[in-house]
PDB file of N, CA and C in Angstrom:
ATOM      1  N   MET A   1     125.389  46.079  25.859  1.00  0.00           N
ATOM      2  CA  MET A   1     126.269  45.964  24.697  1.00  0.00           C
ATOM      3  C   MET A   1     126.424  44.489  24.318  1.00  0.00           C
ATOM      4  N   THR A   2     126.360  44.211  23.039  1.00  0.00           N
ATOM      5  CA  THR A   2     126.451  42.843  22.531  1.00  0.00           C
ATOM      6  C   THR A   2     127.906  42.404  22.459  1.00  0.00           C
ATOM      7  N   LYS A   3     128.141  41.175  22.873  1.00  0.00           N
ATOM      8  CA  LYS A   3     129.487  40.619  22.854  1.00  0.00           C
ATOM      9  C   LYS A   3     129.820  40.128  21.446  1.00  0.00           C
ATOM     10  N   LYS A   4     130.974  40.535  20.947  1.00  0.00           N
ATOM     11  CA  LYS A   4     131.434  40.118  19.619  1.00  0.00           C
ATOM     12  C   LYS A   4     132.258  38.839  19.738  1.00  0.00           C
ATOM     13  N   PHE A   5     132.376  38.137  18.621  1.00  0.00           N
ATOM     14  CA  PHE A   5     133.203  36.934  18.587  1.00  0.00           C
ATOM     15  C   PHE A   5     134.626  37.267  19.021  1.00  0.00           C
ATOM     16  N   THR A   6     135.124  38.413  18.594  1.00  0.00           N
ATOM     17  CA  THR A   6     136.495  38.807  18.939  1.00  0.00           C
ATOM     18  C   THR A   6     136.663  39.096  20.422  1.00  0.00           C
ATOM     19  N   ASP A   7     135.570  39.254  21.158  1.00  0.00           N
ATOM     20  CA  ASP A   7     135.640  39.479  22.606  1.00  0.00           C
ATOM     21  C   ASP A   7     135.817  38.175  23.383  1.00  0.00           C
ATOM     22  N   LEU A   8     135.616  37.042  22.718  1.00  0.00           N
ATOM     23  CA  LEU A   8     135.771  35.754  23.396  1.00  0.00           C
ATOM     24  C   LEU A   8     137.246  35.522  23.731  1.00  0.00           C
ATOM     25  N   THR A   9     137.498  35.058  24.923  1.00  0.00           N
ATOM     26  CA  THR A   9     138.868  34.765  25.354  1.00  0.00           C
ATOM     27  C   THR A   9     139.187  33.302  25.059  1.00  0.00           C
ATOM     28  N   PRO A  10     140.465  32.940  25.050  1.00  0.00           N
ATOM     29  CA  PRO A  10     140.808  31.522  24.878  1.00  0.00           C
ATOM     30  C   PRO A  10     140.117  30.635  25.922  1.00  0.00           C
ATOM     31  N   SER A  11     139.985  31.114  27.143  1.00  0.00           N
ATOM     32  CA  SER A  11     139.305  30.292  28.156  1.00  0.00           C
ATOM     33  C   SER A  11     137.810  30.140  27.847  1.00  0.00           C
ATOM     34  N   ASP A  12     137.191  31.148  27.215  1.00  0.00           N
ATOM     35  CA  ASP A  12     135.799  31.011  26.779  1.00  0.00           C
ATOM     36  C   ASP A  12     135.678  29.873  25.775  1.00  0.00           C
ATOM     37  N   LEU A  13     136.613  29.806  24.845  1.00  0.00           N
ATOM     38  CA  LEU A  13     136.554  28.809  23.779  1.00  0.00           C
ATOM     39  C   LEU A  13     136.879  27.407  24.277  1.00  0.00           C
ATOM     40  N   THR A  14     137.730  27.315  25.288  1.00  0.00           N
ATOM     41  CA  THR A  14     138.080  25.983  25.796  1.00  0.00           C
ATOM     42  C   THR A  14     136.952  25.376  26.623  1.00  0.00           C
ATOM     43  N   ARG A  15     135.872  26.109  26.828  1.00  0.00           N
ATOM     44  CA  ARG A  15     134.690  25.533  27.473  1.00  0.00           C
ATOM     45  C   ARG A  15     133.958  24.584  26.532  1.00  0.00           C
ATOM     46  N   LEU A  16     134.226  24.721  25.234  1.00  0.00           N
ATOM     47  CA  LEU A  16     133.660  23.784  24.265  1.00  0.00           C
ATOM     48  C   LEU A  16     134.434  22.470  24.376  1.00  0.00           C
ATOM     49  N   PRO A  17     133.780  21.339  24.118  1.00  0.00           N
ATOM     50  CA  PRO A  17     134.502  20.059  24.146  1.00  0.00           C
ATOM     51  C   PRO A  17     135.627  20.055  23.118  1.00  0.00           C
ATOM     52  N   ASN A  18     136.637  19.228  23.401  1.00  0.00           N
ATOM     53  CA  ASN A  18     137.761  19.112  22.475  1.00  0.00           C
ATOM     54  C   ASN A  18     137.304  18.580  21.131  1.00  0.00           C
ATOM     55  N   LEU A  19     137.960  19.035  20.102  1.00  0.00           N
ATOM     56  CA  LEU A  19     137.665  18.641  18.731  1.00  0.00           C
ATOM     57  C   LEU A  19     137.890  17.143  18.552  1.00  0.00           C
ATOM     58  N   SER A  20     136.931  16.491  17.909  1.00  0.00           N
ATOM     59  CA  SER A  20     137.001  15.063  17.626  1.00  0.00           C
ATOM     60  C   SER A  20     137.053  14.867  16.117  1.00  0.00           C
ATOM     61  N   GLU A  21     137.689  13.800  15.704  1.00  0.00           N
ATOM     62  CA  GLU A  21     137.733  13.490  14.269  1.00  0.00           C
ATOM     63  C   GLU A  21     136.495  12.725  13.826  1.00  0.00           C
ATOM     64  N   TYR A  22     135.755  12.191  14.777  1.00  0.00           N
ATOM     65  CA  TYR A  22     134.650  11.301  14.460  1.00  0.00           C
ATOM     66  C   TYR A  22     133.312  11.967  14.726  1.00  0.00           C
ATOM     67  N   HIS A  23     132.490  12.010  13.693  1.00  0.00           N
ATOM     68  CA  HIS A  23     131.149  12.588  13.793  1.00  0.00           C
ATOM     69  C   HIS A  23     130.203  11.702  12.979  1.00  0.00           C
ATOM     70  N   TYR A  24     129.801  10.588  13.589  1.00  0.00           N
ATOM     71  CA  TYR A  24     128.999   9.600  12.885  1.00  0.00           C
ATOM     72  C   TYR A  24     127.500   9.790  13.044  1.00  0.00           C
ATOM     73  N   CYS A  25     127.066  10.361  14.130  1.00  0.00           N
ATOM     74  CA  CYS A  25     125.633  10.493  14.407  1.00  0.00           C
ATOM     75  C   CYS A  25     125.225  11.957  14.310  1.00  0.00           C
ATOM     76  N   VAL A  26     124.949  12.412  13.125  1.00  0.00           N
ATOM     77  CA  VAL A  26     124.588  13.807  12.925  1.00  0.00           C
ATOM     78  C   VAL A  26     123.311  14.122  13.700  1.00  0.00           C
ATOM     79  N   GLY A  27     123.339  15.254  14.363  1.00  0.00           N
ATOM     80  CA  GLY A  27     122.182  15.711  15.123  1.00  0.00           C
ATOM     81  C   GLY A  27     122.322  15.542  16.620  1.00  0.00           C
ATOM     82  N   VAL A  28     123.188  14.643  17.058  1.00  0.00           N
ATOM     83  CA  VAL A  28     123.340  14.437  18.503  1.00  0.00           C
ATOM     84  C   VAL A  28     124.433  15.324  19.101  1.00  0.00           C
ATOM     85  N   GLU A  29     125.136  16.056  18.257  1.00  0.00           N
ATOM     86  CA  GLU A  29     126.170  16.958  18.755  1.00  0.00           C
ATOM     87  C   GLU A  29     125.522  18.007  19.659  1.00  0.00           C
ATOM     88  N   ARG A  30     126.154  18.294  20.755  1.00  0.00           N
ATOM     89  CA  ARG A  30     125.654  19.331  21.648  1.00  0.00           C
ATOM     90  C   ARG A  30     126.282  20.646  21.208  1.00  0.00           C
ATOM     91  N   ILE A  31     125.418  21.616  20.946  1.00  0.00           N
ATOM     92  CA  ILE A  31     125.864  22.946  20.502  1.00  0.00           C
ATOM     93  C   ILE A  31     126.064  23.810  21.741  1.00  0.00           C
ATOM     94  N   TYR A  32     127.290  24.279  21.915  1.00  0.00           N
ATOM     95  CA  TYR A  32     127.632  25.065  23.099  1.00  0.00           C
ATOM     96  C   TYR A  32     127.729  26.559  22.825  1.00  0.00           C
ATOM     97  N   LEU A  33     127.932  26.914  21.565  1.00  0.00           N
ATOM     98  CA  LEU A  33     128.130  28.320  21.232  1.00  0.00           C
ATOM     99  C   LEU A  33     127.350  28.648  19.970  1.00  0.00           C
ATOM    100  N   HIS A  34     126.510  29.671  20.043  1.00  0.00           N
ATOM    101  CA  HIS A  34     125.765  30.142  18.877  1.00  0.00           C
ATOM    102  C   HIS A  34     126.228  31.551  18.561  1.00  0.00           C
ATOM    103  N   LEU A  35     126.640  31.744  17.317  1.00  0.00           N
ATOM    104  CA  LEU A  35     127.037  33.057  16.817  1.00  0.00           C
ATOM    105  C   LEU A  35     126.086  33.435  15.691  1.00  0.00           C
ATOM    106  N   PHE A  36     125.906  34.715  15.491  1.00  0.00           N
ATOM    107  CA  PHE A  36     125.036  35.209  14.424  1.00  0.00           C
ATOM    108  C   PHE A  36     125.530  36.578  14.002  1.00  0.00           C
ATOM    109  N   ASN A  37     125.053  37.032  12.860  1.00  0.00           N
ATOM    110  CA  ASN A  37     125.330  38.413  12.457  1.00  0.00           C
ATOM    111  C   ASN A  37     124.077  39.020  11.837  1.00  0.00           C
ATOM    112  N   GLU A  38     124.182  40.283  11.494  1.00  0.00           N
ATOM    113  CA  GLU A  38     123.025  40.997  10.946  1.00  0.00           C
ATOM    114  C   GLU A  38     122.707  40.595   9.511  1.00  0.00           C
ATOM    115  N   LYS A  39     123.569  39.813   8.880  1.00  0.00           N
ATOM    116  CA  LYS A  39     123.336  39.306   7.519  1.00  0.00           C
ATOM    117  C   LYS A  39     122.585  37.975   7.554  1.00  0.00           C
ATOM    118  N   ASN A  40     122.041  37.631   8.719  1.00  0.00           N
ATOM    119  CA  ASN A  40     121.271  36.411   8.928  1.00  0.00           C
ATOM    120  C   ASN A  40     122.106  35.152   8.708  1.00  0.00           C
ATOM    121  N   MET A  41     123.362  35.207   9.148  1.00  0.00           N
ATOM    122  CA  MET A  41     124.239  34.044   9.140  1.00  0.00           C
ATOM    123  C   MET A  41     124.312  33.526  10.570  1.00  0.00           C
ATOM    124  N   HIS A  42     124.423  32.194  10.707  1.00  0.00           N
ATOM    125  CA  HIS A  42     124.488  31.586  12.029  1.00  0.00           C
ATOM    126  C   HIS A  42     125.581  30.529  12.046  1.00  0.00           C
ATOM    127  N   TRP A  43     126.254  30.447  13.169  1.00  0.00           N
ATOM    128  CA  TRP A  43     127.261  29.431  13.416  1.00  0.00           C
ATOM    129  C   TRP A  43     126.878  28.744  14.714  1.00  0.00           C
ATOM    130  N   TYR A  44     126.761  27.425  14.661  1.00  0.00           N
ATOM    131  CA  TYR A  44     126.417  26.633  15.838  1.00  0.00           C
ATOM    132  C   TYR A  44     127.631  25.757  16.140  1.00  0.00           C
ATOM    133  N   MET A  45     128.400  26.125  17.146  1.00  0.00           N
ATOM    134  CA  MET A  45     129.672  25.463  17.430  1.00  0.00           C
ATOM    135  C   MET A  45     129.513  24.386  18.504  1.00  0.00           C
ATOM    136  N   ALA A  46     129.992  23.184  18.170  1.00  0.00           N
ATOM    137  CA  ALA A  46     129.893  22.054  19.087  1.00  0.00           C
ATOM    138  C   ALA A  46     131.234  21.702  19.727  1.00  0.00           C
ATOM    139  N   GLU A  47     132.325  21.898  18.994  1.00  0.00           N
ATOM    140  CA  GLU A  47     133.653  21.500  19.479  1.00  0.00           C
ATOM    141  C   GLU A  47     134.684  22.537  19.053  1.00  0.00           C
ATOM    142  N   TYR A  48     135.790  22.526  19.772  1.00  0.00           N
ATOM    143  CA  TYR A  48     136.880  23.455  19.453  1.00  0.00           C
ATOM    144  C   TYR A  48     138.218  22.790  19.759  1.00  0.00           C
ATOM    145  N   GLY A  49     139.165  22.957  18.861  1.00  0.00           N
ATOM    146  CA  GLY A  49     140.528  22.463  19.058  1.00  0.00           C
ATOM    147  C   GLY A  49     141.466  23.634  19.295  1.00  0.00           C
ATOM    148  N   PRO A  50     141.901  23.858  20.534  1.00  0.00           N
ATOM    149  CA  PRO A  50     142.727  25.032  20.822  1.00  0.00           C
ATOM    150  C   PRO A  50     144.090  25.008  20.120  1.00  0.00           C
ATOM    151  N   ILE A  51     144.606  23.834  19.811  1.00  0.00           N
ATOM    152  CA  ILE A  51     145.904  23.773  19.128  1.00  0.00           C
ATOM    153  C   ILE A  51     145.728  24.041  17.639  1.00  0.00           C
ATOM    154  N   SER A  52     144.766  23.360  17.020  1.00  0.00           N
ATOM    155  CA  SER A  52     144.522  23.543  15.582  1.00  0.00           C
ATOM    156  C   SER A  52     143.727  24.807  15.290  1.00  0.00           C
ATOM    157  N   LYS A  53     143.083  25.351  16.338  1.00  0.00           N
ATOM    158  CA  LYS A  53     142.215  26.526  16.212  1.00  0.00           C
ATOM    159  C   LYS A  53     141.096  26.277  15.183  1.00  0.00           C
ATOM    160  N   LYS A  54     140.493  25.089  15.317  1.00  0.00           N
ATOM    161  CA  LYS A  54     139.382  24.696  14.459  1.00  0.00           C
ATOM    162  C   LYS A  54     138.136  24.468  15.300  1.00  0.00           C
ATOM    163  N   PHE A  55     137.011  24.730  14.674  1.00  0.00           N
ATOM    164  CA  PHE A  55     135.713  24.464  15.264  1.00  0.00           C
ATOM    165  C   PHE A  55     135.036  23.363  14.459  1.00  0.00           C
ATOM    166  N   PHE A  56     134.159  22.625  15.121  1.00  0.00           N
ATOM    167  CA  PHE A  56     133.242  21.745  14.414  1.00  0.00           C
ATOM    168  C   PHE A  56     131.842  22.207  14.766  1.00  0.00           C
ATOM    169  N   GLY A  57     130.991  22.267  13.748  1.00  0.00           N
ATOM    170  CA  GLY A  57     129.625  22.677  14.006  1.00  0.00           C
ATOM    171  C   GLY A  57     128.812  22.762  12.736  1.00  0.00           C
ATOM    172  N   PHE A  58     127.767  23.556  12.818  1.00  0.00           N
ATOM    173  CA  PHE A  58     126.836  23.765  11.712  1.00  0.00           C
ATOM    174  C   PHE A  58     126.883  25.240  11.340  1.00  0.00           C
ATOM    175  N   PHE A  59     126.779  25.512  10.050  1.00  0.00           N
ATOM    176  CA  PHE A  59     126.920  26.873   9.546  1.00  0.00           C
ATOM    177  C   PHE A  59     125.765  27.163   8.602  1.00  0.00           C
ATOM    178  N   GLU A  60     125.142  28.293   8.786  1.00  0.00           N
ATOM    179  CA  GLU A  60     123.931  28.620   8.019  1.00  0.00           C
ATOM    180  C   GLU A  60     124.032  30.038   7.462  1.00  0.00           C
ATOM    181  N   ASN A  61     123.745  30.157   6.164  1.00  0.00           N
ATOM    182  CA  ASN A  61     123.594  31.485   5.558  1.00  0.00           C
ATOM    183  C   ASN A  61     122.597  31.394   4.408  1.00  0.00           C
ATOM    184  N   ARG A  62     122.092  32.530   4.001  1.00  0.00           N
ATOM    185  CA  ARG A  62     121.024  32.560   2.987  1.00  0.00           C
ATOM    186  C   ARG A  62     121.438  31.985   1.649  1.00  0.00           C
ATOM    187  N   SER A  63     122.638  32.275   1.206  1.00  0.00           N
ATOM    188  CA  SER A  63     123.022  31.857  -0.144  1.00  0.00           C
ATOM    189  C   SER A  63     123.413  30.383  -0.227  1.00  0.00           C
ATOM    190  N   ASP A  64     124.045  29.833   0.804  1.00  0.00           N
ATOM    191  CA  ASP A  64     124.514  28.447   0.764  1.00  0.00           C
ATOM    192  C   ASP A  64     123.640  27.481   1.546  1.00  0.00           C
ATOM    193  N   GLY A  65     122.730  27.991   2.338  1.00  0.00           N
ATOM    194  CA  GLY A  65     121.913  27.115   3.180  1.00  0.00           C
ATOM    195  C   GLY A  65     122.692  26.676   4.409  1.00  0.00           C
ATOM    196  N   ILE A  66     122.512  25.423   4.797  1.00  0.00           N
ATOM    197  CA  ILE A  66     123.152  24.886   6.001  1.00  0.00           C
ATOM    198  C   ILE A  66     124.183  23.846   5.597  1.00  0.00           C
ATOM    199  N   SER A  67     125.298  23.860   6.291  1.00  0.00           N
ATOM    200  CA  SER A  67     126.311  22.827   6.122  1.00  0.00           C
ATOM    201  C   SER A  67     126.873  22.495   7.496  1.00  0.00           C
ATOM    202  N   SER A  68     127.573  21.396   7.560  1.00  0.00           N
ATOM    203  CA  SER A  68     128.231  21.033   8.807  1.00  0.00           C
ATOM    204  C   SER A  68     129.665  20.664   8.480  1.00  0.00           C
ATOM    205  N   GLY A  69     130.505  20.752   9.486  1.00  0.00           N
ATOM    206  CA  GLY A  69     131.898  20.412   9.281  1.00  0.00           C
ATOM    207  C   GLY A  69     132.801  21.288  10.121  1.00  0.00           C
ATOM    208  N   PHE A  70     133.989  21.498   9.599  1.00  0.00           N
ATOM    209  CA  PHE A  70     135.015  22.234  10.323  1.00  0.00           C
ATOM    210  C   PHE A  70     135.192  23.633   9.745  1.00  0.00           C
ATOM    211  N   CYS A  71     135.499  24.575  10.599  1.00  0.00           N
ATOM    212  CA  CYS A  71     135.934  25.896  10.154  1.00  0.00           C
ATOM    213  C   CYS A  71     137.052  26.327  11.095  1.00  0.00           C
ATOM    214  N   THR A  72     137.908  27.166  10.607  1.00  0.00           N
ATOM    215  CA  THR A  72     139.061  27.598  11.390  1.00  0.00           C
ATOM    216  C   THR A  72     138.809  28.956  12.035  1.00  0.00           C
ATOM    217  N   MET A  73     139.640  29.257  12.985  1.00  0.00           N
ATOM    218  CA  MET A  73     139.594  30.579  13.604  1.00  0.00           C
ATOM    219  C   MET A  73     139.837  31.642  12.527  1.00  0.00           C
ATOM    220  N   GLU A  74     140.707  31.340  11.592  1.00  0.00           N
ATOM    221  CA  GLU A  74     140.990  32.268  10.490  1.00  0.00           C
ATOM    222  C   GLU A  74     139.730  32.539   9.659  1.00  0.00           C
ATOM    223  N   ASP A  75     138.937  31.493   9.403  1.00  0.00           N
ATOM    224  CA  ASP A  75     137.672  31.658   8.679  1.00  0.00           C
ATOM    225  C   ASP A  75     136.764  32.638   9.419  1.00  0.00           C
ATOM    226  N   MET A  76     136.670  32.457  10.723  1.00  0.00           N
ATOM    227  CA  MET A  76     135.810  33.328  11.533  1.00  0.00           C
ATOM    228  C   MET A  76     136.331  34.764  11.535  1.00  0.00           C
ATOM    229  N   MET A  77     137.633  34.909  11.603  1.00  0.00           N
ATOM    230  CA  MET A  77     138.225  36.253  11.647  1.00  0.00           C
ATOM    231  C   MET A  77     138.003  37.014  10.337  1.00  0.00           C
ATOM    232  N   LYS A  78     137.838  36.304   9.229  1.00  0.00           N
ATOM    233  CA  LYS A  78     137.541  36.975   7.960  1.00  0.00           C
ATOM    234  C   LYS A  78     136.221  37.730   8.055  1.00  0.00           C
ATOM    235  N   TRP A  79     135.231  37.103   8.710  1.00  0.00           N
ATOM    236  CA  TRP A  79     133.946  37.773   8.892  1.00  0.00           C
ATOM    237  C   TRP A  79     134.094  38.960   9.836  1.00  0.00           C
ATOM    238  N   CYS A  80     134.904  38.784  10.865  1.00  0.00           N
ATOM    239  CA  CYS A  80     135.123  39.865  11.838  1.00  0.00           C
ATOM    240  C   CYS A  80     135.769  41.076  11.161  1.00  0.00           C
ATOM    241  N   LYS A  81     136.723  40.816  10.280  1.00  0.00           N
ATOM    242  CA  LYS A  81     137.439  41.909   9.609  1.00  0.00           C
ATOM    243  C   LYS A  81     136.540  42.682   8.652  1.00  0.00           C
ATOM    244  N   LYS A  82     135.500  42.020   8.133  1.00  0.00           N
ATOM    245  CA  LYS A  82     134.554  42.728   7.268  1.00  0.00           C
ATOM    246  C   LYS A  82     133.806  43.796   8.063  1.00  0.00           C
ATOM    247  N   GLY A  83     133.633  43.514   9.358  1.00  0.00           N
ATOM    248  CA  GLY A  83     133.002  44.481  10.260  1.00  0.00           C
ATOM    249  C   GLY A  83     131.530  44.710   9.965  1.00  0.00           C
ATOM    250  N   GLY A  84     130.975  45.663  10.676  1.00  0.00           N
ATOM    251  CA  GLY A  84     129.590  46.060  10.494  1.00  0.00           C
ATOM    252  C   GLY A  84     128.631  44.897  10.629  1.00  0.00           C
ATOM    253  N   ALA A  85     127.714  44.795   9.675  1.00  0.00           N
ATOM    254  CA  ALA A  85     126.672  43.773   9.707  1.00  0.00           C
ATOM    255  C   ALA A  85     127.233  42.359   9.538  1.00  0.00           C
ATOM    256  N   TRP A  86     128.479  42.238   9.085  1.00  0.00           N
ATOM    257  CA  TRP A  86     129.102  40.925   8.879  1.00  0.00           C
ATOM    258  C   TRP A  86     129.679  40.351  10.168  1.00  0.00           C
ATOM    259  N   GLU A  87     129.924  41.184  11.147  1.00  0.00           N
ATOM    260  CA  GLU A  87     130.618  40.781  12.377  1.00  0.00           C
ATOM    261  C   GLU A  87     129.825  39.742  13.178  1.00  0.00           C
ATOM    262  N   PRO A  88     130.419  38.564  13.449  1.00  0.00           N
ATOM    263  CA  PRO A  88     129.730  37.565  14.266  1.00  0.00           C
ATOM    264  C   PRO A  88     129.582  38.037  15.713  1.00  0.00           C
ATOM    265  N   LEU A  89     128.377  37.852  16.238  1.00  0.00           N
ATOM    266  CA  LEU A  89     128.057  38.238  17.601  1.00  0.00           C
ATOM    267  C   LEU A  89     127.705  36.978  18.402  1.00  0.00           C
ATOM    268  N   VAL A  90     127.931  37.030  19.696  1.00  0.00           N
ATOM    269  CA  VAL A  90     127.673  35.890  20.574  1.00  0.00           C
ATOM    270  C   VAL A  90     126.237  35.948  21.085  1.00  0.00           C
ATOM    271  N   ASP A  91     125.537  34.852  20.954  1.00  0.00           N
ATOM    272  CA  ASP A  91     124.199  34.733  21.531  1.00  0.00           C
ATOM    273  C   ASP A  91     124.395  34.411  23.013  1.00  0.00           C
ATOM    274  N   GLU A  92     124.351  35.436  23.829  1.00  0.00           N
ATOM    275  CA  GLU A  92     124.643  35.272  25.257  1.00  0.00           C
ATOM    276  C   GLU A  92     123.526  34.563  26.009  1.00  0.00           C
ATOM    277  N   ASN A  93     122.368  34.381  25.383  1.00  0.00           N
ATOM    278  CA  ASN A  93     121.262  33.674  26.015  1.00  0.00           C
ATOM    279  C   ASN A  93     121.215  32.195  25.630  1.00  0.00           C
ATOM    280  N   TRP A  94     122.180  31.759  24.814  1.00  0.00           N
ATOM    281  CA  TRP A  94     122.189  30.392  24.322  1.00  0.00           C
ATOM    282  C   TRP A  94     122.419  29.404  25.466  1.00  0.00           C
ATOM    283  N   LYS A  95     121.648  28.348  25.470  1.00  0.00           N
ATOM    284  CA  LYS A  95     121.810  27.238  26.412  1.00  0.00           C
ATOM    285  C   LYS A  95     122.245  26.024  25.604  1.00  0.00           C
ATOM    286  N   PRO A  96     123.264  25.281  26.062  1.00  0.00           N
ATOM    287  CA  PRO A  96     123.698  24.102  25.312  1.00  0.00           C
ATOM    288  C   PRO A  96     122.524  23.171  25.012  1.00  0.00           C
ATOM    289  N   THR A  97     122.462  22.732  23.765  1.00  0.00           N
ATOM    290  CA  THR A  97     121.371  21.876  23.313  1.00  0.00           C
ATOM    291  C   THR A  97     121.852  20.983  22.178  1.00  0.00           C
ATOM    292  N   GLU A  98     121.194  19.861  21.986  1.00  0.00           N
ATOM    293  CA  GLU A  98     121.553  18.984  20.877  1.00  0.00           C
ATOM    294  C   GLU A  98     121.190  19.656  19.557  1.00  0.00           C
ATOM    295  N   ALA A  99     122.004  19.422  18.550  1.00  0.00           N
ATOM    296  CA  ALA A  99     121.788  20.042  17.239  1.00  0.00           C
ATOM    297  C   ALA A  99     120.395  19.748  16.695  1.00  0.00           C
ATOM    298  N   ARG A 100     119.903  18.533  16.887  1.00  0.00           N
ATOM    299  CA  ARG A 100     118.596  18.165  16.342  1.00  0.00           C
ATOM    300  C   ARG A 100     117.445  18.911  16.999  1.00  0.00           C
ATOM    301  N   GLU A 101     117.717  19.600  18.109  1.00  0.00           N
ATOM    302  CA  GLU A 101     116.696  20.391  18.783  1.00  0.00           C
ATOM    303  C   GLU A 101     116.677  21.849  18.306  1.00  0.00           C
ATOM    304  N   VAL A 102     117.656  22.229  17.485  1.00  0.00           N
ATOM    305  CA  VAL A 102     117.708  23.585  16.939  1.00  0.00           C
ATOM    306  C   VAL A 102     116.793  23.622  15.719  1.00  0.00           C
ATOM    307  N   LEU A 103     115.745  24.398  15.801  1.00  0.00           N
ATOM    308  CA  LEU A 103     114.701  24.413  14.771  1.00  0.00           C
ATOM    309  C   LEU A 103     115.266  24.600  13.368  1.00  0.00           C
ATOM    310  N   SER A 104     116.165  25.554  13.175  1.00  0.00           N
ATOM    311  CA  SER A 104     116.671  25.833  11.825  1.00  0.00           C
ATOM    312  C   SER A 104     117.573  24.729  11.276  1.00  0.00           C
ATOM    313  N   LEU A 105     118.042  23.817  12.122  1.00  0.00           N
ATOM    314  CA  LEU A 105     118.917  22.724  11.670  1.00  0.00           C
ATOM    315  C   LEU A 105     118.160  21.425  11.408  1.00  0.00           C
ATOM    316  N   GLN A 106     116.916  21.341  11.827  1.00  0.00           N
ATOM    317  CA  GLN A 106     116.182  20.080  11.773  1.00  0.00           C
ATOM    318  C   GLN A 106     116.031  19.506  10.372  1.00  0.00           C
ATOM    319  N   GLY A 107     115.700  20.327   9.394  1.00  0.00           N
ATOM    320  CA  GLY A 107     115.551  19.843   8.018  1.00  0.00           C
ATOM    321  C   GLY A 107     116.861  19.302   7.466  1.00  0.00           C
ATOM    322  N   TYR A 108     117.947  20.016   7.720  1.00  0.00           N
ATOM    323  CA  TYR A 108     119.273  19.582   7.258  1.00  0.00           C
ATOM    324  C   TYR A 108     119.644  18.243   7.889  1.00  0.00           C
ATOM    325  N   ILE A 109     119.432  18.123   9.187  1.00  0.00           N
ATOM    326  CA  ILE A 109     119.790  16.895   9.892  1.00  0.00           C
ATOM    327  C   ILE A 109     118.963  15.719   9.375  1.00  0.00           C
ATOM    328  N   LYS A 110     117.676  15.917   9.155  1.00  0.00           N
ATOM    329  CA  LYS A 110     116.833  14.845   8.605  1.00  0.00           C
ATOM    330  C   LYS A 110     117.332  14.417   7.232  1.00  0.00           C
ATOM    331  N   MET A 111     117.714  15.373   6.414  1.00  0.00           N
ATOM    332  CA  MET A 111     118.215  15.063   5.083  1.00  0.00           C
ATOM    333  C   MET A 111     119.539  14.292   5.153  1.00  0.00           C
ATOM    334  N   MET A 112     120.393  14.631   6.108  1.00  0.00           N
ATOM    335  CA  MET A 112     121.672  13.945   6.239  1.00  0.00           C
ATOM    336  C   MET A 112     121.485  12.512   6.746  1.00  0.00           C
ATOM    337  N   ILE A 113     120.488  12.302   7.580  1.00  0.00           N
ATOM    338  CA  ILE A 113     120.226  10.968   8.123  1.00  0.00           C
ATOM    339  C   ILE A 113     119.579  10.076   7.068  1.00  0.00           C
ATOM    340  N   CYS A 114     118.657  10.642   6.323  1.00  0.00           N
ATOM    341  CA  CYS A 114     117.919   9.877   5.320  1.00  0.00           C
ATOM    342  C   CYS A 114     117.832  10.696   4.040  1.00  0.00           C
ATOM    343  N   PRO A 115     118.906  10.712   3.235  1.00  0.00           N
ATOM    344  CA  PRO A 115     118.911  11.535   2.032  1.00  0.00           C
ATOM    345  C   PRO A 115     117.825  11.116   1.037  1.00  0.00           C
ATOM    346  N   PRO A 116     117.313  12.082   0.273  1.00  0.00           N
ATOM    347  CA  PRO A 116     116.305  11.740  -0.740  1.00  0.00           C
ATOM    348  C   PRO A 116     116.924  10.850  -1.817  1.00  0.00           C
ATOM    349  N   ASP A 117     116.096  10.032  -2.409  1.00  0.00           N
ATOM    350  CA  ASP A 117     116.580   9.161  -3.494  1.00  0.00           C
ATOM    351  C   ASP A 117     117.100  10.015  -4.633  1.00  0.00           C
ATOM    352  N   MET A 118     118.139   9.530  -5.269  1.00  0.00           N
ATOM    353  CA  MET A 118     118.753  10.265  -6.363  1.00  0.00           C
ATOM    354  C   MET A 118     118.347   9.666  -7.713  1.00  0.00           C
ATOM    355  N   LEU A 119     117.076   9.309  -7.870  1.00  0.00           N
ATOM    356  CA  LEU A 119     116.605   8.691  -9.121  1.00  0.00           C
ATOM    357  C   LEU A 119     116.286   9.704 -10.163  1.00  0.00           C
TER     358      LEU A 119
END
C-alpha cells in the first residue's frame, strides 16, 4: 500500500532540516522528501518549519512547469482534499539528494543560475 502525504506524522516531517529564510545557491538544496500524484505533479521538499507549517522546495506540474519557493501545509492539504488522482503520495524509495541531481529539475536550475538574455 502506498503511503499518502496525510499519513506522514509530525516526527516524519521534522526529519527535514529547519526552514531557512536564505536560499542563495539554487540547486544545492538537499531534497529529503519527494511527493507525487497521478496527475504528474511532483513536490521536492528540502526544508520544513514545524511552527509555521511551511515547506521550502521545488514544485512541478504540467500546466505551470517548475517553480521553487515556499508552500504551506494548508496548500498541500488542498490537494489531499481533492482526493483520488490529486492526492499527494510519498516516494518511499527516495534517497536524499541535491536538487541539481534531480533530472526533472536540472533545466529549471540552470535557467535560474544563468537566465536567458531578455533582449
